[in-house]
Amino acid sequence: MNKTRILFWLPRIICILAILFISLFALDAFQPNLSIWQQIGAFIMHLIPSFILTALLVIAWKWENIGGIVFIIIGLGLSPVVFIHNYNMNHSVWMSLGIIASITLPFVVVGILFIMSHFYYKNHNK
């Protein structure tokens, strides 16, 4: 595969994998003390971030530069929130940084790759 195809598909694949990873957290909604309808409702509510990220991926797929900027803002903007929340739960700086690296950092990388793809395609198709 040439560089253009790799740079085109890499941010999309990483973003899909990151969204699937975020979606795994929705499985917390299934608890034995709730009715099936309460569990389904809670599951759908837990999937709202995944739905939003999927909509942003659709936008980034069409407009890479806009999507790239949005993903970088989301990744960097949510990092302090995720860090503070996890630090208050586990009181470990390193564990909280590891959680940030697995949850928000992939979206920053995706954003950078979308922007790189946009400029690479723009410069090589003149």
Foldseek 3Di string as FASTA:
>chain_A
DDPLVCLLCVLLVLLVVLLVVQLVVLCVLDDPVDDPVSSVVSSVVSSVVSVVSVVLSVVCNVVLLVSLVVLLCQLVVCLVVQLVVVCVVPVDNVVSVVVSCSRRVSSNVSSVSSNVSVVVVVVVPD
